[in-house]
Amino acid sequence: KGFTRQSAQAIDYGLDFYAPQTLEAPDGRRI
């Protein structure tokens, strides 16, 4: 079925923040 959106929010509420990217660390954390 694909992706079903449930909520929307800003990521950062400050003045300087753009183009975030994540990784999964070896210990399982999403950074």
Full PDB file with SEQRES, HELIX, SHEET, SSBOND, CRYST1, ORIGX, SCALE, CONECT and MASTER records, all heavy atoms in Angstrom:
SEQRES   1 A   31  LYS GLY PHE THR ARG GLN SER ALA GLN ALA ILE ASP TYR          
SEQRES   2 A   31  GLY LEU ASP PHE TYR ALA PRO GLN THR LEU GLU ALA PRO          
SEQRES   3 A   31  ASP GLY ARG ARG ILE                                          
CRYST1    1.000    1.000    1.000  90.00  90.00  90.00 P 1           1          
ORIGX1      1.000000  0.000000  0.000000        0.00000                         
ORIGX2      0.000000  1.000000  0.000000        0.00000                         
ORIGX3      0.000000  0.000000  1.000000        0.00000                         
SCALE1      1.000000  0.000000  0.000000        0.00000                         
SCALE2      0.000000  1.000000  0.000000        0.00000                         
SCALE3      0.000000  0.000000  1.000000        0.00000                         
ATOM      1  N   LYS A   1       0.818  -1.218   0.000  1.00  0.00           N  
ATOM      2  CA  LYS A   1       0.000   0.000   0.000  1.00  0.00           C  
ATOM      3  C   LYS A   1       0.850   1.266   0.000  1.00  0.00           C  
ATOM      4  O   LYS A   1       0.375   2.339  -0.363  1.00  0.00           O  
ATOM      5  CB  LYS A   1      -0.923   0.002   1.217  1.00  0.00           C  
ATOM      6  CG  LYS A   1      -1.926  -1.139   1.234  1.00  0.00           C  
ATOM      7  CD  LYS A   1      -2.784  -1.086   2.488  1.00  0.00           C  
ATOM      8  CE  LYS A   1      -3.778  -2.251   2.515  1.00  0.00           C  
ATOM      9  NZ  LYS A   1      -4.594  -2.228   3.757  1.00  0.00           N  
ATOM     10  N   GLY A   2       2.108   1.180   0.448  1.00  0.00           N  
ATOM     11  CA  GLY A   2       2.961   2.357   0.497  1.00  0.00           C  
ATOM     12  C   GLY A   2       2.918   3.053   1.844  1.00  0.00           C  
ATOM     13  O   GLY A   2       2.601   2.449   2.874  1.00  0.00           O  
ATOM     14  N   PHE A   3       3.245   4.338   1.839  1.00  0.00           N  
ATOM     15  CA  PHE A   3       3.349   5.138   3.058  1.00  0.00           C  
ATOM     16  C   PHE A   3       2.027   5.848   3.333  1.00  0.00           C  
ATOM     17  O   PHE A   3       1.456   6.489   2.435  1.00  0.00           O  
ATOM     18  CB  PHE A   3       4.472   6.168   2.902  1.00  0.00           C  
ATOM     19  CG  PHE A   3       4.610   7.117   4.061  1.00  0.00           C  
ATOM     20  CD1 PHE A   3       5.045   6.670   5.303  1.00  0.00           C  
ATOM     21  CD2 PHE A   3       4.324   8.473   3.908  1.00  0.00           C  
ATOM     22  CE1 PHE A   3       5.187   7.548   6.374  1.00  0.00           C  
ATOM     23  CE2 PHE A   3       4.471   9.356   4.965  1.00  0.00           C  
ATOM     24  CZ  PHE A   3       4.895   8.892   6.199  1.00  0.00           C  
ATOM     25  N   THR A   4       1.557   5.736   4.574  1.00  0.00           N  
ATOM     26  CA  THR A   4       0.345   6.426   5.013  1.00  0.00           C  
ATOM     27  C   THR A   4       0.724   7.461   6.049  1.00  0.00           C  
ATOM     28  O   THR A   4       1.186   7.121   7.142  1.00  0.00           O  
ATOM     29  CB  THR A   4      -0.675   5.440   5.608  1.00  0.00           C  
ATOM     30  OG1 THR A   4      -0.970   4.433   4.632  1.00  0.00           O  
ATOM     31  CG2 THR A   4      -1.953   6.168   5.999  1.00  0.00           C  
ATOM     32  N   ARG A   5       0.551   8.701   5.713  1.00  0.00           N  
ATOM     33  CA  ARG A   5       0.904   9.809   6.597  1.00  0.00           C  
ATOM     34  C   ARG A   5      -0.119   9.948   7.726  1.00  0.00           C  
ATOM     35  O   ARG A   5      -1.326   9.939   7.508  1.00  0.00           O  
ATOM     36  CB  ARG A   5       0.955  11.078   5.761  1.00  0.00           C  
ATOM     37  CG  ARG A   5       1.196  12.341   6.486  1.00  0.00           C  
ATOM     38  CD  ARG A   5       0.821  13.587   5.710  1.00  0.00           C  
ATOM     39  NE  ARG A   5       1.361  13.682   4.358  1.00  0.00           N  
ATOM     40  CZ  ARG A   5       1.191  14.742   3.586  1.00  0.00           C  
ATOM     41  NH1 ARG A   5       0.501  15.785   4.038  1.00  0.00           N  
ATOM     42  NH2 ARG A   5       1.678  14.769   2.372  1.00  0.00           N  
ATOM     43  N   GLN A   6       0.376  10.113   8.977  1.00  0.00           N  
ATOM     44  CA  GLN A   6      -0.507  10.285  10.130  1.00  0.00           C  
ATOM     45  C   GLN A   6      -0.334  11.626  10.826  1.00  0.00           C  
ATOM     46  O   GLN A   6      -1.274  12.145  11.431  1.00  0.00           O  
ATOM     47  CB  GLN A   6      -0.264   9.147  11.141  1.00  0.00           C  
ATOM     48  CG  GLN A   6      -0.648   7.780  10.588  1.00  0.00           C  
ATOM     49  CD  GLN A   6      -0.212   6.644  11.474  1.00  0.00           C  
ATOM     50  OE1 GLN A   6       0.646   6.792  12.346  1.00  0.00           O  
ATOM     51  NE2 GLN A   6      -0.797   5.462  11.247  1.00  0.00           N  
ATOM     52  N   SER A   7       0.860  12.195  10.769  1.00  0.00           N  
ATOM     53  CA  SER A   7       1.076  13.495  11.415  1.00  0.00           C  
ATOM     54  C   SER A   7       2.187  14.236  10.696  1.00  0.00           C  
ATOM     55  O   SER A   7       3.009  13.629   9.999  1.00  0.00           O  
ATOM     56  CB  SER A   7       1.427  13.331  12.900  1.00  0.00           C  
ATOM     57  OG  SER A   7       2.681  12.670  13.050  1.00  0.00           O  
ATOM     58  N   ALA A   8       2.185  15.559  10.866  1.00  0.00           N  
ATOM     59  CA  ALA A   8       3.202  16.409  10.251  1.00  0.00           C  
ATOM     60  C   ALA A   8       3.684  17.423  11.271  1.00  0.00           C  
ATOM     61  O   ALA A   8       2.879  17.988  12.026  1.00  0.00           O  
ATOM     62  CB  ALA A   8       2.629  17.129   9.023  1.00  0.00           C  
ATOM     63  N   GLN A   9       4.992  17.663  11.307  1.00  0.00           N  
ATOM     64  CA  GLN A   9       5.560  18.644  12.221  1.00  0.00           C  
ATOM     65  C   GLN A   9       6.835  19.202  11.622  1.00  0.00           C  
ATOM     66  O   GLN A   9       7.431  18.610  10.718  1.00  0.00           O  
ATOM     67  CB  GLN A   9       5.873  18.002  13.584  1.00  0.00           C  
ATOM     68  CG  GLN A   9       6.981  16.957  13.516  1.00  0.00           C  
ATOM     69  CD  GLN A   9       7.416  16.430  14.870  1.00  0.00           C  
ATOM     70  OE1 GLN A   9       6.841  15.484  15.392  1.00  0.00           O  
ATOM     71  NE2 GLN A   9       8.435  17.056  15.429  1.00  0.00           N  
ATOM     72  N   ALA A  10       7.249  20.365  12.103  1.00  0.00           N  
ATOM     73  CA  ALA A  10       8.581  20.863  11.779  1.00  0.00           C  
ATOM     74  C   ALA A  10       9.610  19.979  12.483  1.00  0.00           C  
ATOM     75  O   ALA A  10       9.311  19.319  13.482  1.00  0.00           O  
ATOM     76  CB  ALA A  10       8.725  22.309  12.217  1.00  0.00           C  
ATOM     77  N   ILE A  11      10.826  19.974  11.959  1.00  0.00           N  
ATOM     78  CA  ILE A  11      11.896  19.197  12.598  1.00  0.00           C  
ATOM     79  C   ILE A  11      12.631  20.050  13.610  1.00  0.00           C  
ATOM     80  O   ILE A  11      12.838  19.653  14.757  1.00  0.00           O  
ATOM     81  CB  ILE A  11      12.863  18.633  11.538  1.00  0.00           C  
ATOM     82  CG1 ILE A  11      12.105  17.749  10.542  1.00  0.00           C  
ATOM     83  CG2 ILE A  11      13.983  17.835  12.210  1.00  0.00           C  
ATOM     84  CD1 ILE A  11      12.934  17.268   9.373  1.00  0.00           C  
ATOM     85  N   ASP A  12      13.041  21.237  13.222  1.00  0.00           N  
ATOM     86  CA  ASP A  12      13.748  22.166  14.105  1.00  0.00           C  
ATOM     87  C   ASP A  12      13.019  23.505  14.032  1.00  0.00           C  
ATOM     88  O   ASP A  12      12.599  23.933  12.951  1.00  0.00           O  
ATOM     89  CB  ASP A  12      15.204  22.308  13.672  1.00  0.00           C  
ATOM     90  CG  ASP A  12      16.048  23.097  14.648  1.00  0.00           C  
ATOM     91  OD1 ASP A  12      15.991  24.346  14.626  1.00  0.00           O  
ATOM     92  OD2 ASP A  12      16.791  22.469  15.433  1.00  0.00           O  
ATOM     93  N   TYR A  13      12.894  24.176  15.195  1.00  0.00           N  
ATOM     94  CA  TYR A  13      12.091  25.394  15.278  1.00  0.00           C  
ATOM     95  C   TYR A  13      12.947  26.658  15.387  1.00  0.00           C  
ATOM     96  O   TYR A  13      12.427  27.726  15.694  1.00  0.00           O  
ATOM     97  CB  TYR A  13      11.142  25.294  16.477  1.00  0.00           C  
ATOM     98  CG  TYR A  13      10.099  24.223  16.311  1.00  0.00           C  
ATOM     99  CD1 TYR A  13      10.391  22.886  16.571  1.00  0.00           C  
ATOM    100  CD2 TYR A  13       8.821  24.535  15.867  1.00  0.00           C  
ATOM    101  CE1 TYR A  13       9.432  21.895  16.409  1.00  0.00           C  
ATOM    102  CE2 TYR A  13       7.850  23.559  15.701  1.00  0.00           C  
ATOM    103  CZ  TYR A  13       8.163  22.231  15.973  1.00  0.00           C  
ATOM    104  OH  TYR A  13       7.211  21.255  15.791  1.00  0.00           O  
ATOM    105  N   GLY A  14      14.233  26.519  15.129  1.00  0.00           N  
ATOM    106  CA  GLY A  14      15.124  27.667  15.251  1.00  0.00           C  
ATOM    107  C   GLY A  14      15.304  28.403  13.945  1.00  0.00           C  
ATOM    108  O   GLY A  14      14.485  28.337  13.017  1.00  0.00           O  
ATOM    109  N   LEU A  15      16.429  29.099  13.850  1.00  0.00           N  
ATOM    110  CA  LEU A  15      16.721  29.952  12.708  1.00  0.00           C  
ATOM    111  C   LEU A  15      17.600  29.281  11.663  1.00  0.00           C  
ATOM    112  O   LEU A  15      17.609  29.702  10.507  1.00  0.00           O  
ATOM    113  CB  LEU A  15      17.411  31.228  13.205  1.00  0.00           C  
ATOM    114  CG  LEU A  15      16.510  32.187  13.990  1.00  0.00           C  
ATOM    115  CD1 LEU A  15      17.329  33.006  14.970  1.00  0.00           C  
ATOM    116  CD2 LEU A  15      15.756  33.106  13.047  1.00  0.00           C  
ATOM    117  N   ASP A  16      18.353  28.273  12.052  1.00  0.00           N  
ATOM    118  CA  ASP A  16      19.367  27.694  11.168  1.00  0.00           C  
ATOM    119  C   ASP A  16      19.317  26.177  11.230  1.00  0.00           C  
ATOM    120  O   ASP A  16      19.895  25.565  12.133  1.00  0.00           O  
ATOM    121  CB  ASP A  16      20.760  28.192  11.560  1.00  0.00           C  
ATOM    122  CG  ASP A  16      20.915  29.683  11.346  1.00  0.00           C  
ATOM    123  OD1 ASP A  16      20.799  30.121  10.194  1.00  0.00           O  
ATOM    124  OD2 ASP A  16      21.139  30.407  12.327  1.00  0.00           O  
ATOM    125  N   PHE A  17      18.655  25.574  10.243  1.00  0.00           N  
ATOM    126  CA  PHE A  17      18.561  24.119  10.206  1.00  0.00           C  
ATOM    127  C   PHE A  17      17.990  23.743   8.856  1.00  0.00           C  
ATOM    128  O   PHE A  17      16.927  24.219   8.459  1.00  0.00           O  
ATOM    129  CB  PHE A  17      17.639  23.617  11.320  1.00  0.00           C  
ATOM    130  CG  PHE A  17      17.576  22.114  11.457  1.00  0.00           C  
ATOM    131  CD1 PHE A  17      18.385  21.472  12.384  1.00  0.00           C  
ATOM    132  CD2 PHE A  17      16.699  21.360  10.696  1.00  0.00           C  
ATOM    133  CE1 PHE A  17      18.320  20.085  12.533  1.00  0.00           C  
ATOM    134  CE2 PHE A  17      16.637  19.988  10.828  1.00  0.00           C  
ATOM    135  CZ  PHE A  17      17.445  19.347  11.750  1.00  0.00           C  
ATOM    136  N   TYR A  18      18.694  22.854   8.110  1.00  0.00           N  
ATOM    137  CA  TYR A  18      18.212  22.467   6.783  1.00  0.00           C  
ATOM    138  C   TYR A  18      18.869  21.153   6.371  1.00  0.00           C  
ATOM    139  O   TYR A  18      19.962  20.809   6.833  1.00  0.00           O  
ATOM    140  CB  TYR A  18      18.548  23.556   5.752  1.00  0.00           C  
ATOM    141  CG  TYR A  18      17.743  23.459   4.474  1.00  0.00           C  
ATOM    142  CD1 TYR A  18      16.386  23.761   4.456  1.00  0.00           C  
ATOM    143  CD2 TYR A  18      18.339  23.067   3.286  1.00  0.00           C  
ATOM    144  CE1 TYR A  18      15.641  23.672   3.289  1.00  0.00           C  
ATOM    145  CE2 TYR A  18      17.600  22.969   2.102  1.00  0.00           C  
ATOM    146  CZ  TYR A  18      16.247  23.276   2.118  1.00  0.00           C  
ATOM    147  OH  TYR A  18      15.507  23.189   0.968  1.00  0.00           O  
ATOM    148  N   ALA A  19      18.184  20.436   5.496  1.00  0.00           N  
ATOM    149  CA  ALA A  19      18.712  19.238   4.826  1.00  0.00           C  
ATOM    150  C   ALA A  19      19.193  18.156   5.787  1.00  0.00           C  
ATOM    151  O   ALA A  19      20.278  17.601   5.610  1.00  0.00           O  
ATOM    152  CB  ALA A  19      19.845  19.625   3.871  1.00  0.00           C  
ATOM    153  N   PRO A  20      18.419  17.800   6.823  1.00  0.00           N  
ATOM    154  CA  PRO A  20      18.880  16.769   7.748  1.00  0.00           C  
ATOM    155  C   PRO A  20      19.020  15.412   7.066  1.00  0.00           C  
ATOM    156  O   PRO A  20      18.316  15.089   6.103  1.00  0.00           O  
ATOM    157  CB  PRO A  20      17.781  16.738   8.823  1.00  0.00           C  
ATOM    158  CG  PRO A  20      16.559  17.240   8.123  1.00  0.00           C  
ATOM    159  CD  PRO A  20      17.064  18.275   7.162  1.00  0.00           C  
ATOM    160  N   GLN A  21      19.939  14.613   7.590  1.00  0.00           N  
ATOM    161  CA  GLN A  21      20.146  13.247   7.114  1.00  0.00           C  
ATOM    162  C   GLN A  21      20.431  12.369   8.319  1.00  0.00           C  
ATOM    163  O   GLN A  21      21.046  12.813   9.287  1.00  0.00           O  
ATOM    164  CB  GLN A  21      21.297  13.196   6.109  1.00  0.00           C  
ATOM    165  CG  GLN A  21      21.342  11.916   5.293  1.00  0.00           C  
ATOM    166  CD  GLN A  21      22.319  11.977   4.134  1.00  0.00           C  
ATOM    167  OE1 GLN A  21      23.451  11.512   4.257  1.00  0.00           O  
ATOM    168  NE2 GLN A  21      21.902  12.536   2.997  1.00  0.00           N  
ATOM    169  N   THR A  22      19.987  11.110   8.260  1.00  0.00           N  
ATOM    170  CA  THR A  22      20.141  10.213   9.399  1.00  0.00           C  
ATOM    171  C   THR A  22      20.949   8.980   9.020  1.00  0.00           C  
ATOM    172  O   THR A  22      21.130   8.654   7.838  1.00  0.00           O  
ATOM    173  CB  THR A  22      18.777   9.751   9.950  1.00  0.00           C  
ATOM    174  OG1 THR A  22      18.218   8.753   9.080  1.00  0.00           O  
ATOM    175  CG2 THR A  22      17.807  10.912  10.100  1.00  0.00           C  
ATOM    176  N   LEU A  23      21.395   8.278  10.054  1.00  0.00           N  
ATOM    177  CA  LEU A  23      21.980   6.947   9.898  1.00  0.00           C  
ATOM    178  C   LEU A  23      21.505   6.078  11.040  1.00  0.00           C  
ATOM    179  O   LEU A  23      21.022   6.565  12.065  1.00  0.00           O  
ATOM    180  CB  LEU A  23      23.513   7.006   9.875  1.00  0.00           C  
ATOM    181  CG  LEU A  23      24.287   7.613  11.052  1.00  0.00           C  
ATOM    182  CD1 LEU A  23      24.311   6.717  12.297  1.00  0.00           C  
ATOM    183  CD2 LEU A  23      25.715   7.910  10.641  1.00  0.00           C  
ATOM    184  N   GLU A  24      21.638   4.774  10.845  1.00  0.00           N  
ATOM    185  CA  GLU A  24      21.430   3.834  11.941  1.00  0.00           C  
ATOM    186  C   GLU A  24      22.793   3.419  12.455  1.00  0.00           C  
ATOM    187  O   GLU A  24      23.598   2.845  11.713  1.00  0.00           O  
ATOM    188  CB  GLU A  24      20.634   2.609  11.493  1.00  0.00           C  
ATOM    189  CG  GLU A  24      20.336   1.660  12.655  1.00  0.00           C  
ATOM    190  CD  GLU A  24      19.531   0.443  12.239  1.00  0.00           C  
ATOM    191  OE1 GLU A  24      19.432   0.175  11.020  1.00  0.00           O  
ATOM    192  OE2 GLU A  24      19.014  -0.259  13.131  1.00  0.00           O  
ATOM    193  N   ALA A  25      23.070   3.723  13.718  1.00  0.00           N  
ATOM    194  CA  ALA A  25      24.354   3.387  14.316  1.00  0.00           C  
ATOM    195  C   ALA A  25      24.416   1.883  14.602  1.00  0.00           C  
ATOM    196  O   ALA A  25      23.381   1.211  14.685  1.00  0.00           O  
ATOM    197  CB  ALA A  25      24.555   4.181  15.602  1.00  0.00           C  
ATOM    198  N   PRO A  26      25.626   1.340  14.750  1.00  0.00           N  
ATOM    199  CA  PRO A  26      25.751  -0.105  15.032  1.00  0.00           C  
ATOM    200  C   PRO A  26      24.988  -0.542  16.273  1.00  0.00           C  
ATOM    201  O   PRO A  26      24.578  -1.702  16.361  1.00  0.00           O  
ATOM    202  CB  PRO A  26      27.271  -0.288  15.205  1.00  0.00           C  
ATOM    203  CG  PRO A  26      27.873   0.793  14.362  1.00  0.00           C  
ATOM    204  CD  PRO A  26      26.945   1.971  14.510  1.00  0.00           C  
ATOM    205  N   ASP A  27      24.788   0.369  17.236  1.00  0.00           N  
ATOM    206  CA  ASP A  27      24.043   0.003  18.449  1.00  0.00           C  
ATOM    207  C   ASP A  27      22.540   0.197  18.295  1.00  0.00           C  
ATOM    208  O   ASP A  27      21.787   0.070  19.262  1.00  0.00           O  
ATOM    209  CB  ASP A  27      24.556   0.794  19.652  1.00  0.00           C  
ATOM    210  CG  ASP A  27      24.429   2.302  19.481  1.00  0.00           C  
ATOM    211  OD1 ASP A  27      23.764   2.755  18.511  1.00  0.00           O  
ATOM    212  OD2 ASP A  27      24.986   3.044  20.313  1.00  0.00           O  
ATOM    213  N   GLY A  28      22.079   0.514  17.085  1.00  0.00           N  
ATOM    214  CA  GLY A  28      20.648   0.623  16.823  1.00  0.00           C  
ATOM    215  C   GLY A  28      20.068   2.009  16.914  1.00  0.00           C  
ATOM    216  O   GLY A  28      18.909   2.220  16.543  1.00  0.00           O  
ATOM    217  N   ARG A  29      20.835   2.972  17.390  1.00  0.00           N  
ATOM    218  CA  ARG A  29      20.308   4.335  17.491  1.00  0.00           C  
ATOM    219  C   ARG A  29      20.135   4.959  16.109  1.00  0.00           C  
ATOM    220  O   ARG A  29      20.931   4.728  15.212  1.00  0.00           O  
ATOM    221  CB  ARG A  29      21.260   5.221  18.301  1.00  0.00           C  
ATOM    222  CG  ARG A  29      21.293   4.947  19.786  1.00  0.00           C  
ATOM    223  CD  ARG A  29      22.284   5.869  20.476  1.00  0.00           C  
ATOM    224  NE  ARG A  29      23.661   5.581  20.082  1.00  0.00           N  
ATOM    225  CZ  ARG A  29      24.691   6.400  20.290  1.00  0.00           C  
ATOM    226  NH1 ARG A  29      24.495   7.581  20.868  1.00  0.00           N  
ATOM    227  NH2 ARG A  29      25.899   6.053  19.919  1.00  0.00           N  
ATOM    228  N   ARG A  30      19.094   5.753  15.947  1.00  0.00           N  
ATOM    229  CA  ARG A  30      18.915   6.562  14.747  1.00  0.00           C  
ATOM    230  C   ARG A  30      19.467   7.955  15.066  1.00  0.00           C  
ATOM    231  O   ARG A  30      18.983   8.638  15.959  1.00  0.00           O  
ATOM    232  CB  ARG A  30      17.445   6.634  14.368  1.00  0.00           C  
ATOM    233  CG  ARG A  30      17.118   7.480  13.150  1.00  0.00           C  
ATOM    234  CD  ARG A  30      17.717   6.978  11.860  1.00  0.00           C  
ATOM    235  NE  ARG A  30      17.348   5.627  11.489  1.00  0.00           N  
ATOM    236  CZ  ARG A  30      17.632   5.077  10.308  1.00  0.00           C  
ATOM    237  NH1 ARG A  30      18.293   5.767   9.379  1.00  0.00           N  
ATOM    238  NH2 ARG A  30      17.300   3.819  10.049  1.00  0.00           N  
ATOM    239  N   ILE A  31      20.506   8.361  14.337  1.00  0.00           N  
ATOM    240  CA  ILE A  31      21.215   9.615  14.584  1.00  0.00           C  
ATOM    241  C   ILE A  31      20.975  10.552  13.412  1.00  0.00           C  
ATOM    242  O   ILE A  31      21.074  10.146  12.252  1.00  0.00           O  
ATOM    243  CB  ILE A  31      22.732   9.388  14.756  1.00  0.00           C  
ATOM    244  CG1 ILE A  31      23.010   8.288  15.784  1.00  0.00           C  
ATOM    245  CG2 ILE A  31      23.433  10.692  15.143  1.00  0.00           C  
ATOM    246  CD1 ILE A  31      22.645   8.615  17.189  1.00  0.00           C  
TER     247      ILE A  31                                                      
MASTER        0    0    0    0    0    0    0    6  246    1    0    3          
END                                                                             
